[in-house]
Amino acid sequence: MSKSRILIADDDKLIRDTIARYCKTYGFEVITASNGQEAVETEENLRPDLVILDVEMPVMNGFKACQIIREKRSGVHYIPIIFLSGLLLEESVIAGLELGADDYIRKPFEPLELLTRITNLLKIKKLIAQVETLENTVFSLVKSIEARDFYTAGHSRRVADMSVNIGKEIGVSEEEVEILNKSSLLHDIGKMGIPDQILNKQGSLTNEEFDFIKKHPVLGVDICSNLRLVPQILDIIHHHHEKLDGSGYPDGLPAEEISRLVRIVTIADIFDALTTDRPYRVSKTNTEAIFILKKEAQENKLDIDFVQFVEDFLQKNSK
């Protein structure tokens, strides 16, 4: 097993060498820097597993160095960052955490405390990389699901594009736009558990077969439950077939329990299904699809405001 590599940046050579010597004693590989600029350049070139930054350094301070490194290193490329400081004022700690630091240690430090913090953060780094890799694998599985079903090839991507467009049109936050995108891409992941003979059946489904299809939202949540996904994404995967009048599945939720993000993805999903060829019918035109969506809205099944946003968006982009 290769040694974990630690970058230590401190303008005080005595402190820098002391930390380096201690880390080497416990089997870590060590590289050093004497200021923030040097730390940024060394991190870029040598890609350490963890960075220790002094806050007050010449040329570039630890805060700026942290900001630059964190902007580059997240997800599977995540790197833990620890700040060292002789003055641990509350505002300094908050500022550092907001810039992406993972921990703070006061000078002078206890060697055993530093080792414990380093070891724990390296474990978290490994876990995050594993989870991110797993998440990427699941998104790849979305493509494999669509590959099983010629008629729905590209469906998840189109639902994501439509959901994001509706979200932006109504002014949701950037975070909610990302939630709409990810949840739409994953909304049918549960179809992995549906047999091909049902998924690709030529003709109408029997009641028993449709009951099987209706399990895919719950199966999707089961598949994604161990991923590092925000709760709203799992909520959309679980409830994208719910209707405002309680006639949807799998839980028959009433309108007040169906979030606006779920409502958006539901409409985008239905619109794309209507305008795509299926084994049992040809695709509808956009106009026909909007007519059907409005009819369901009049029956209190769909949110009329979001249906209107879809119609307005289509008209605006057809010119």
Protein backbone atom coordinates (compact mmCIF):
# COMPACT_ATOMS: atom_id res chain seq x y z
CA MET A 1 0.00 0.00 0.00
CA SER A 2 1.42 3.42 -0.99
CA LYS A 3 2.03 6.00 1.71
CA SER A 4 -0.33 8.92 2.08
CA ARG A 5 1.35 12.16 1.02
CA ILE A 6 0.98 15.24 3.21
CA LEU A 7 1.78 18.81 2.18
CA ILE A 8 2.82 21.08 5.08
CA ALA A 9 2.84 24.83 4.41
CA ASP A 10 4.20 27.11 7.13
CA ASP A 11 6.63 30.03 6.97
CA ASP A 12 8.15 28.99 10.30
CA LYS A 13 10.82 26.42 9.40
CA LEU A 14 10.97 25.01 12.92
CA ILE A 15 7.22 24.29 13.00
CA ARG A 16 7.29 22.98 9.43
CA ASP A 17 10.16 20.60 10.17
CA THR A 18 8.63 19.49 13.47
CA ILE A 19 5.34 18.49 11.82
CA ALA A 20 7.21 16.84 8.94
CA ARG A 21 9.38 14.79 11.27
CA TYR A 22 6.37 13.67 13.29
CA CYS A 23 4.35 12.68 10.20
CA LYS A 24 7.28 10.71 8.77
CA THR A 25 7.55 8.82 12.07
CA TYR A 26 4.00 7.55 11.49
CA GLY A 27 4.66 6.46 7.93
CA PHE A 28 3.46 9.45 5.92
CA GLU A 29 5.32 10.88 2.95
CA VAL A 30 5.89 14.60 3.46
CA ILE A 31 6.40 17.60 1.18
CA THR A 32 6.72 21.17 2.42
CA ALA A 33 6.14 24.76 1.37
CA SER A 34 7.08 28.05 3.02
CA ASN A 35 4.15 30.19 1.83
CA GLY A 36 0.69 29.98 0.34
CA GLN A 37 1.75 30.50 -3.27
CA GLU A 38 4.32 27.74 -3.01
CA ALA A 39 1.68 25.51 -1.38
CA VAL A 40 -0.74 26.03 -4.29
CA GLU A 41 1.96 25.28 -6.88
CA THR A 42 3.22 22.23 -4.99
CA GLU A 43 -0.31 20.88 -4.57
CA GLU A 44 -0.93 21.26 -8.30
CA ASN A 45 2.29 19.48 -9.26
CA LEU A 46 2.52 16.72 -6.64
CA ARG A 47 -1.15 16.14 -5.71
CA PRO A 48 -0.85 15.31 -1.99
CA ASP A 49 -3.56 13.42 -0.08
CA LEU A 50 -3.92 16.09 2.61
CA VAL A 51 -2.80 19.71 3.07
CA ILE A 52 -1.85 21.47 6.32
CA LEU A 53 -1.85 25.27 5.97
CA ASP A 54 -0.64 27.94 8.34
CA VAL A 55 -3.07 30.86 8.28
CA GLU A 56 -0.56 33.74 8.35
CA MET A 57 2.11 33.30 5.64
CA PRO A 58 3.93 35.72 3.33
CA VAL A 59 3.23 36.06 -0.43
CA MET A 60 -0.15 34.34 -0.05
CA ASN A 61 -1.92 33.55 3.23
CA GLY A 62 -3.53 30.22 4.11
CA PHE A 63 -7.07 31.43 3.45
CA LYS A 64 -6.33 32.31 -0.19
CA ALA A 65 -4.36 29.11 -0.71
CA CYS A 66 -7.23 27.09 0.74
CA GLN A 67 -9.74 28.79 -1.56
CA ILE A 68 -7.67 28.05 -4.67
CA ILE A 69 -7.05 24.42 -3.74
CA ARG A 70 -10.66 23.74 -2.73
CA GLU A 71 -12.03 25.13 -6.00
CA LYS A 72 -10.01 22.46 -7.82
CA ARG A 73 -10.38 19.54 -5.44
CA SER A 74 -13.84 18.20 -4.69
CA GLY A 75 -15.79 15.01 -5.40
CA VAL A 76 -13.47 12.17 -6.39
CA HIS A 77 -10.62 14.74 -6.34
CA TYR A 78 -11.43 15.93 -2.81
CA ILE A 79 -8.44 16.76 -0.63
CA PRO A 80 -8.72 17.44 3.13
CA ILE A 81 -7.33 20.77 4.35
CA ILE A 82 -6.30 21.55 7.94
CA PHE A 83 -5.54 25.08 9.14
CA LEU A 84 -2.87 25.81 11.75
CA SER A 85 -3.15 29.06 13.71
CA GLY A 86 -1.93 30.59 16.93
CA LEU A 87 -5.06 32.77 17.06
CA LEU A 88 -8.22 30.71 16.84
CA LEU A 89 -10.78 33.50 16.86
CA GLU A 90 -14.32 32.39 16.10
CA GLU A 91 -14.55 34.61 13.01
CA SER A 92 -11.31 33.14 11.65
CA VAL A 93 -12.55 29.60 12.14
CA ILE A 94 -15.85 30.39 10.39
CA ALA A 95 -14.07 32.16 7.52
CA GLY A 96 -11.77 29.19 7.01
CA LEU A 97 -14.58 26.65 7.04
CA GLU A 98 -16.56 28.72 4.55
CA LEU A 99 -13.55 28.64 2.21
CA GLY A 100 -13.53 24.85 2.35
CA ALA A 101 -11.19 23.92 5.21
CA ASP A 102 -12.05 20.70 7.02
CA ASP A 103 -10.42 21.33 10.39
CA TYR A 104 -8.51 23.80 12.58
CA ILE A 105 -5.67 23.12 15.01
CA ARG A 106 -4.26 25.67 17.43
CA LYS A 107 -0.53 26.30 17.80
CA PRO A 108 1.23 24.96 19.78
CA PHE A 109 -0.42 21.62 18.96
CA GLU A 110 -0.38 18.22 20.59
CA PRO A 111 1.28 15.74 18.18
CA LEU A 112 -1.21 12.98 18.98
CA GLU A 113 -4.15 15.32 18.29
CA LEU A 114 -2.66 16.29 14.92
CA LEU A 115 -2.12 12.63 13.98
CA THR A 116 -5.72 11.78 14.92
CA ARG A 117 -7.11 14.65 12.82
CA ILE A 118 -4.95 13.63 9.84
CA THR A 119 -5.92 9.96 10.09
CA ASN A 120 -9.65 10.72 10.36
CA LEU A 121 -9.65 13.11 7.40
CA LEU A 122 -7.77 10.63 5.21
CA LYS A 123 -10.45 8.05 6.01
CA ILE A 124 -13.14 10.56 5.01
CA LYS A 125 -11.24 11.31 1.77
CA LYS A 126 -11.26 7.62 0.87
CA LEU A 127 -14.97 7.28 1.72
CA ILE A 128 -15.92 10.33 -0.38
CA ALA A 129 -13.97 8.97 -3.35
CA GLN A 130 -15.76 5.63 -3.02
CA VAL A 131 -19.20 7.26 -2.79
CA GLU A 132 -18.54 9.60 -5.72
CA THR A 133 -17.34 6.66 -7.79
CA LEU A 134 -20.47 4.72 -6.84
CA GLU A 135 -22.65 7.70 -7.78
CA ASN A 136 -20.96 7.95 -11.17
CA THR A 137 -21.52 4.22 -11.63
CA VAL A 138 -25.23 4.64 -10.94
CA PHE A 139 -25.49 7.43 -13.52
CA SER A 140 -23.80 5.07 -15.98
CA LEU A 141 -26.42 2.47 -15.13
CA VAL A 142 -29.10 4.96 -16.23
CA LYS A 143 -27.68 4.68 -19.73
CA SER A 144 -27.73 0.89 -19.51
CA ILE A 145 -31.43 0.98 -18.57
CA GLU A 146 -32.24 3.11 -21.58
CA ALA A 147 -30.15 0.81 -23.75
CA ARG A 148 -32.52 -2.03 -22.76
CA ASP A 149 -35.49 -0.03 -24.03
CA PHE A 150 -35.15 1.48 -27.52
CA TYR A 151 -38.29 3.57 -27.07
CA THR A 152 -37.00 5.41 -24.01
CA ALA A 153 -33.40 6.02 -25.18
CA GLY A 154 -32.47 9.52 -24.01
CA HIS A 155 -35.63 9.83 -21.94
CA SER A 156 -33.89 10.69 -18.65
CA ARG A 157 -31.70 13.32 -20.31
CA ARG A 158 -34.70 14.96 -21.97
CA VAL A 159 -36.68 14.93 -18.71
CA ALA A 160 -33.67 16.54 -16.99
CA ASP A 161 -33.42 19.26 -19.65
CA MET A 162 -37.15 20.03 -19.45
CA SER A 163 -37.16 20.02 -15.63
CA VAL A 164 -34.18 22.35 -15.48
CA ASN A 165 -35.78 24.70 -18.00
CA ILE A 166 -39.02 24.84 -16.00
CA GLY A 167 -37.06 25.38 -12.79
CA LYS A 168 -35.06 28.25 -14.25
CA GLU A 169 -38.22 29.77 -15.72
CA ILE A 170 -39.88 29.94 -12.30
CA GLY A 171 -36.70 31.12 -10.57
CA VAL A 172 -35.62 28.18 -8.40
CA SER A 173 -32.20 28.41 -6.73
CA GLU A 174 -29.00 27.08 -8.30
CA GLU A 175 -29.04 24.27 -5.74
CA GLU A 176 -32.58 23.31 -6.77
CA VAL A 177 -31.59 23.37 -10.46
CA GLU A 178 -28.89 20.80 -9.65
CA ILE A 179 -31.43 18.74 -7.69
CA LEU A 180 -33.81 18.78 -10.66
CA ASN A 181 -31.01 17.71 -13.00
CA LYS A 182 -29.72 14.82 -10.89
CA SER A 183 -33.12 13.53 -9.82
CA SER A 184 -34.42 13.58 -13.39
CA LEU A 185 -31.43 11.60 -14.62
CA LEU A 186 -32.05 9.05 -11.86
CA HIS A 187 -35.86 9.05 -11.73
CA ASP A 188 -36.25 5.74 -13.61
CA ILE A 189 -33.19 3.97 -12.12
CA GLY A 190 -35.58 1.53 -10.41
CA LYS A 191 -36.42 0.05 -13.81
CA MET A 192 -33.23 -1.94 -13.40
CA GLY A 193 -35.44 -4.27 -11.37
CA ILE A 194 -38.14 -4.61 -14.03
CA PRO A 195 -37.91 -7.69 -16.33
CA ASP A 196 -37.30 -6.99 -20.02
CA GLN A 197 -40.47 -8.81 -21.05
CA ILE A 198 -42.50 -6.23 -19.10
CA LEU A 199 -40.32 -3.21 -19.84
CA ASN A 200 -40.38 -3.86 -23.62
CA LYS A 201 -43.79 -5.46 -23.97
CA GLN A 202 -45.46 -4.78 -27.34
CA GLY A 203 -48.95 -3.79 -26.32
CA SER A 204 -50.83 -2.80 -23.21
CA LEU A 205 -49.74 -4.10 -19.83
CA THR A 206 -51.95 -6.34 -17.73
CA ASN A 207 -52.92 -5.11 -14.27
CA GLU A 208 -50.34 -7.44 -12.75
CA GLU A 209 -47.62 -6.17 -15.07
CA PHE A 210 -48.51 -2.54 -14.37
CA ASP A 211 -48.36 -3.27 -10.63
CA PHE A 212 -44.83 -4.51 -11.24
CA ILE A 213 -43.94 -1.32 -13.15
CA LYS A 214 -45.31 0.76 -10.27
CA LYS A 215 -42.60 -0.66 -8.02
CA HIS A 216 -39.80 1.16 -9.86
CA PRO A 217 -39.90 4.40 -7.77
CA VAL A 218 -39.38 2.43 -4.54
CA LEU A 219 -36.72 0.26 -6.18
CA GLY A 220 -35.01 3.46 -7.34
CA VAL A 221 -34.84 4.84 -3.82
CA ASP A 222 -33.43 1.52 -2.58
CA ILE A 223 -30.69 1.65 -5.22
CA CYS A 224 -29.78 5.27 -4.47
CA SER A 225 -30.21 5.28 -0.68
CA ASN A 226 -26.51 4.69 0.00
CA LEU A 227 -25.36 7.48 -2.29
CA ARG A 228 -24.40 10.93 -1.02
CA LEU A 229 -27.60 12.47 -2.40
CA VAL A 230 -29.62 15.23 -0.78
CA PRO A 231 -33.06 14.12 0.52
CA GLN A 232 -34.91 16.11 -2.17
CA ILE A 233 -33.40 13.92 -4.90
CA LEU A 234 -34.60 10.74 -3.23
CA ASP A 235 -38.01 12.39 -2.73
CA ILE A 236 -38.30 13.07 -6.47
CA ILE A 237 -37.20 9.54 -7.41
CA HIS A 238 -39.77 8.16 -4.96
CA HIS A 239 -42.72 10.38 -5.87
CA HIS A 240 -42.44 11.43 -9.53
CA HIS A 241 -45.59 9.43 -10.34
CA GLU A 242 -47.75 11.01 -7.62
CA LYS A 243 -50.79 13.10 -8.63
CA LEU A 244 -52.28 16.07 -6.79
CA ASP A 245 -55.64 14.34 -6.33
CA GLY A 246 -54.03 11.37 -4.56
CA SER A 247 -54.48 8.98 -7.51
CA GLY A 248 -50.76 8.54 -8.17
CA TYR A 249 -48.29 5.93 -6.96
CA PRO A 250 -46.55 4.49 -5.00
CA ASP A 251 -48.00 6.29 -1.94
CA GLY A 252 -51.08 8.13 -3.22
CA LEU A 253 -49.85 11.39 -1.66
CA PRO A 254 -52.23 14.35 -1.27
CA ALA A 255 -51.32 17.63 -3.00
CA GLU A 256 -49.93 19.31 0.12
CA GLU A 257 -47.28 16.56 0.49
CA ILE A 258 -46.00 16.84 -3.09
CA SER A 259 -43.18 19.36 -3.38
CA ARG A 260 -42.88 21.78 -6.28
CA LEU A 261 -39.71 20.03 -7.47
CA VAL A 262 -41.57 16.72 -7.63
CA ARG A 263 -44.40 18.43 -9.54
CA ILE A 264 -41.93 19.80 -12.08
CA VAL A 265 -40.28 16.45 -12.78
CA THR A 266 -43.67 14.71 -12.98
CA ILE A 267 -44.84 17.07 -15.73
CA ALA A 268 -41.54 16.85 -17.62
CA ASP A 269 -41.67 13.04 -17.39
CA ILE A 270 -45.24 12.83 -18.71
CA PHE A 271 -44.56 15.33 -21.50
CA ASP A 272 -41.55 13.39 -22.75
CA ALA A 273 -43.40 10.06 -22.53
CA LEU A 274 -46.28 11.51 -24.58
CA THR A 275 -43.99 12.94 -27.27
CA THR A 276 -41.90 9.76 -27.67
CA ASP A 277 -42.85 6.65 -29.64
CA ARG A 278 -43.87 3.79 -27.36
CA PRO A 279 -44.31 0.06 -28.11
CA TYR A 280 -48.08 0.50 -27.88
CA ARG A 281 -48.60 3.91 -29.62
CA VAL A 282 -46.96 6.54 -31.77
CA SER A 283 -45.77 9.81 -30.27
CA LYS A 284 -48.02 12.81 -29.75
CA THR A 285 -47.23 16.27 -31.10
CA ASN A 286 -46.22 18.96 -28.61
CA THR A 287 -49.66 20.54 -29.02
CA GLU A 288 -51.43 17.23 -28.33
CA ALA A 289 -49.22 16.60 -25.32
CA ILE A 290 -49.94 20.04 -23.84
CA PHE A 291 -53.68 19.43 -24.36
CA ILE A 292 -53.42 16.18 -22.36
CA LEU A 293 -51.38 17.85 -19.61
CA LYS A 294 -53.92 20.66 -19.32
CA LYS A 295 -56.74 18.16 -19.13
CA GLU A 296 -55.00 16.38 -16.23
CA ALA A 297 -54.43 19.75 -14.56
CA GLN A 298 -58.15 20.53 -14.87
CA GLU A 299 -58.80 17.18 -13.18
CA ASN A 300 -56.53 18.33 -10.33
CA LYS A 301 -53.86 15.75 -11.14
CA LEU A 302 -51.08 18.12 -12.26
CA ASP A 303 -50.01 21.64 -11.33
CA ILE A 304 -51.55 23.96 -13.93
CA ASP A 305 -48.93 26.68 -13.35
CA PHE A 306 -46.07 24.36 -14.31
CA VAL A 307 -48.01 22.99 -17.30
CA GLN A 308 -48.39 26.58 -18.46
CA PHE A 309 -44.66 27.16 -18.04
CA VAL A 310 -44.02 24.16 -20.34
CA GLU A 311 -46.38 25.53 -22.98
CA ASP A 312 -44.87 29.01 -22.76
CA PHE A 313 -41.35 27.59 -22.99
CA LEU A 314 -42.18 25.52 -26.06
CA GLN A 315 -43.81 28.48 -27.78
CA LYS A 316 -40.90 30.76 -26.97
CA ASN A 317 -38.37 28.26 -28.34
CA SER A 318 -40.31 27.39 -31.49
CA LYS A 319 -39.97 30.90 -32.90
